[in-house]
Amino acid sequence: MPDYDARLEELLPRLEQLWAQLGAPIADQLAPGLTEAELSARERAAGLSLPAELRIWWGWHDGVRRLQPGTRLGLESLVCAPPSLEQLFLQHYGDELAALEAVR
């Protein structure tokens, strides 16, 4: 595994600690991570090829137990989205990005 993958695995628990310390709504709602077998099965079902970073992310936590504002993380948020991460980002944050660009 490349060093950046190992670094990501080190940083994710710290992120979870920070969320808890800051009282972020997501801190108490994190769902368990997916196993490699679960990730592979969902990847095949969705017709996607997940990069290592997303396998690490969803292996850490697969979203949240109760969806509320500020808590969407799970693989389910990608299943219906285009396979491009850029397109996925724009799908979820395009309005906010357009609003920021309009202010400039």
Protein backbone atom coordinates (compact mmCIF):
# COMPACT_ATOMS: atom_id res chain seq x y z
CA MET A 1 0.00 0.00 0.00
CA PRO A 2 1.41 3.43 -0.90
CA ASP A 3 2.37 5.72 1.96
CA TYR A 4 -0.56 8.06 1.38
CA ASP A 5 -2.99 5.17 1.95
CA ALA A 6 -1.30 4.37 5.26
CA ARG A 7 -1.43 8.06 6.18
CA LEU A 8 -5.14 8.18 5.40
CA GLU A 9 -5.71 5.18 7.66
CA GLU A 10 -3.85 7.04 10.43
CA LEU A 11 -5.78 10.28 9.95
CA LEU A 12 -9.33 8.93 9.81
CA PRO A 13 -9.50 7.97 13.51
CA ARG A 14 -8.19 11.46 14.32
CA LEU A 15 -10.95 12.98 12.20
CA GLU A 16 -13.48 10.97 14.15
CA GLN A 17 -11.98 12.23 17.44
CA LEU A 18 -12.14 15.83 16.23
CA TRP A 19 -15.77 15.45 15.20
CA ALA A 20 -16.57 14.14 18.68
CA GLN A 21 -14.62 16.93 20.40
CA LEU A 22 -16.38 19.57 18.31
CA GLY A 23 -19.81 18.06 18.87
CA ALA A 24 -20.38 17.48 15.15
CA PRO A 25 -23.70 15.69 14.49
CA ILE A 26 -21.92 12.99 12.53
CA ALA A 27 -19.78 11.89 15.49
CA ASP A 28 -22.58 9.93 17.15
CA GLN A 29 -24.07 8.57 13.94
CA LEU A 30 -21.15 6.82 12.21
CA ALA A 31 -22.02 3.37 10.85
CA PRO A 32 -19.56 0.49 10.97
CA GLY A 33 -17.16 0.13 8.06
CA LEU A 34 -17.59 -2.36 5.25
CA THR A 35 -15.45 -5.47 4.94
CA GLU A 36 -13.36 -6.04 1.82
CA ALA A 37 -15.90 -8.66 0.70
CA GLU A 38 -18.78 -6.20 1.16
CA LEU A 39 -16.90 -3.47 -0.70
CA SER A 40 -16.14 -5.83 -3.59
CA ALA A 41 -19.74 -7.02 -3.82
CA ARG A 42 -21.13 -3.46 -3.85
CA GLU A 43 -18.48 -2.36 -6.29
CA ARG A 44 -19.50 -5.13 -8.72
CA ALA A 45 -23.22 -4.44 -8.22
CA ALA A 46 -22.75 -0.76 -9.02
CA GLY A 47 -20.42 -1.42 -11.95
CA LEU A 48 -17.71 0.71 -10.37
CA SER A 49 -14.03 0.32 -9.69
CA LEU A 50 -13.29 2.00 -6.37
CA PRO A 51 -9.88 3.58 -5.86
CA ALA A 52 -7.93 2.58 -2.77
CA GLU A 53 -8.80 5.82 -0.97
CA LEU A 54 -12.53 5.12 -1.17
CA ARG A 55 -12.05 1.51 -0.07
CA ILE A 56 -10.18 2.85 2.97
CA TRP A 57 -12.87 5.51 3.59
CA TRP A 58 -15.82 3.10 3.46
CA GLY A 59 -13.83 0.44 5.29
CA TRP A 60 -13.49 2.97 8.12
CA HIS A 61 -17.19 3.92 8.23
CA ASP A 62 -19.94 3.29 5.70
CA GLY A 63 -21.87 6.44 6.20
CA VAL A 64 -24.13 6.97 9.15
CA ARG A 65 -26.83 5.10 11.02
CA ARG A 66 -29.23 8.04 10.84
CA LEU A 67 -29.05 10.46 7.95
CA GLN A 68 -29.29 14.09 8.96
CA PRO A 69 -27.68 17.29 7.67
CA GLY A 70 -23.91 17.04 7.65
CA THR A 71 -23.74 13.24 7.85
CA ARG A 72 -23.66 11.79 4.29
CA LEU A 73 -20.55 9.60 3.87
CA GLY A 74 -21.67 6.13 2.82
CA LEU A 75 -21.15 4.10 -0.28
CA GLU A 76 -24.89 4.37 -0.93
CA SER A 77 -24.30 8.01 -1.86
CA LEU A 78 -22.12 6.89 -4.79
CA VAL A 79 -24.15 4.00 -6.20
CA CYS A 80 -26.44 6.16 -8.35
CA ALA A 81 -23.83 8.78 -9.15
CA PRO A 82 -21.55 8.92 -12.20
CA PRO A 83 -18.29 7.01 -11.70
CA SER A 84 -16.20 10.18 -12.01
CA LEU A 85 -15.32 11.64 -8.62
CA GLU A 86 -15.34 15.11 -10.18
CA GLN A 87 -18.87 14.53 -11.42
CA LEU A 88 -19.86 13.15 -8.03
CA PHE A 89 -18.46 16.24 -6.33
CA LEU A 90 -20.27 18.55 -8.72
CA GLN A 91 -23.50 16.61 -8.31
CA HIS A 92 -23.41 17.07 -4.54
CA TYR A 93 -21.79 20.49 -4.26
CA GLY A 94 -22.39 22.15 -7.64
CA ASP A 95 -24.96 24.63 -6.30
CA GLU A 96 -22.67 25.74 -3.49
CA LEU A 97 -19.74 26.02 -5.89
CA ALA A 98 -21.81 28.10 -8.34
CA ALA A 99 -22.92 30.38 -5.50
CA LEU A 100 -19.32 30.90 -4.40
CA GLU A 101 -18.22 31.67 -7.96
CA ALA A 102 -21.10 34.15 -8.35
CA VAL A 103 -19.84 36.11 -5.34
CA ARG A 104 -16.41 36.61 -6.90
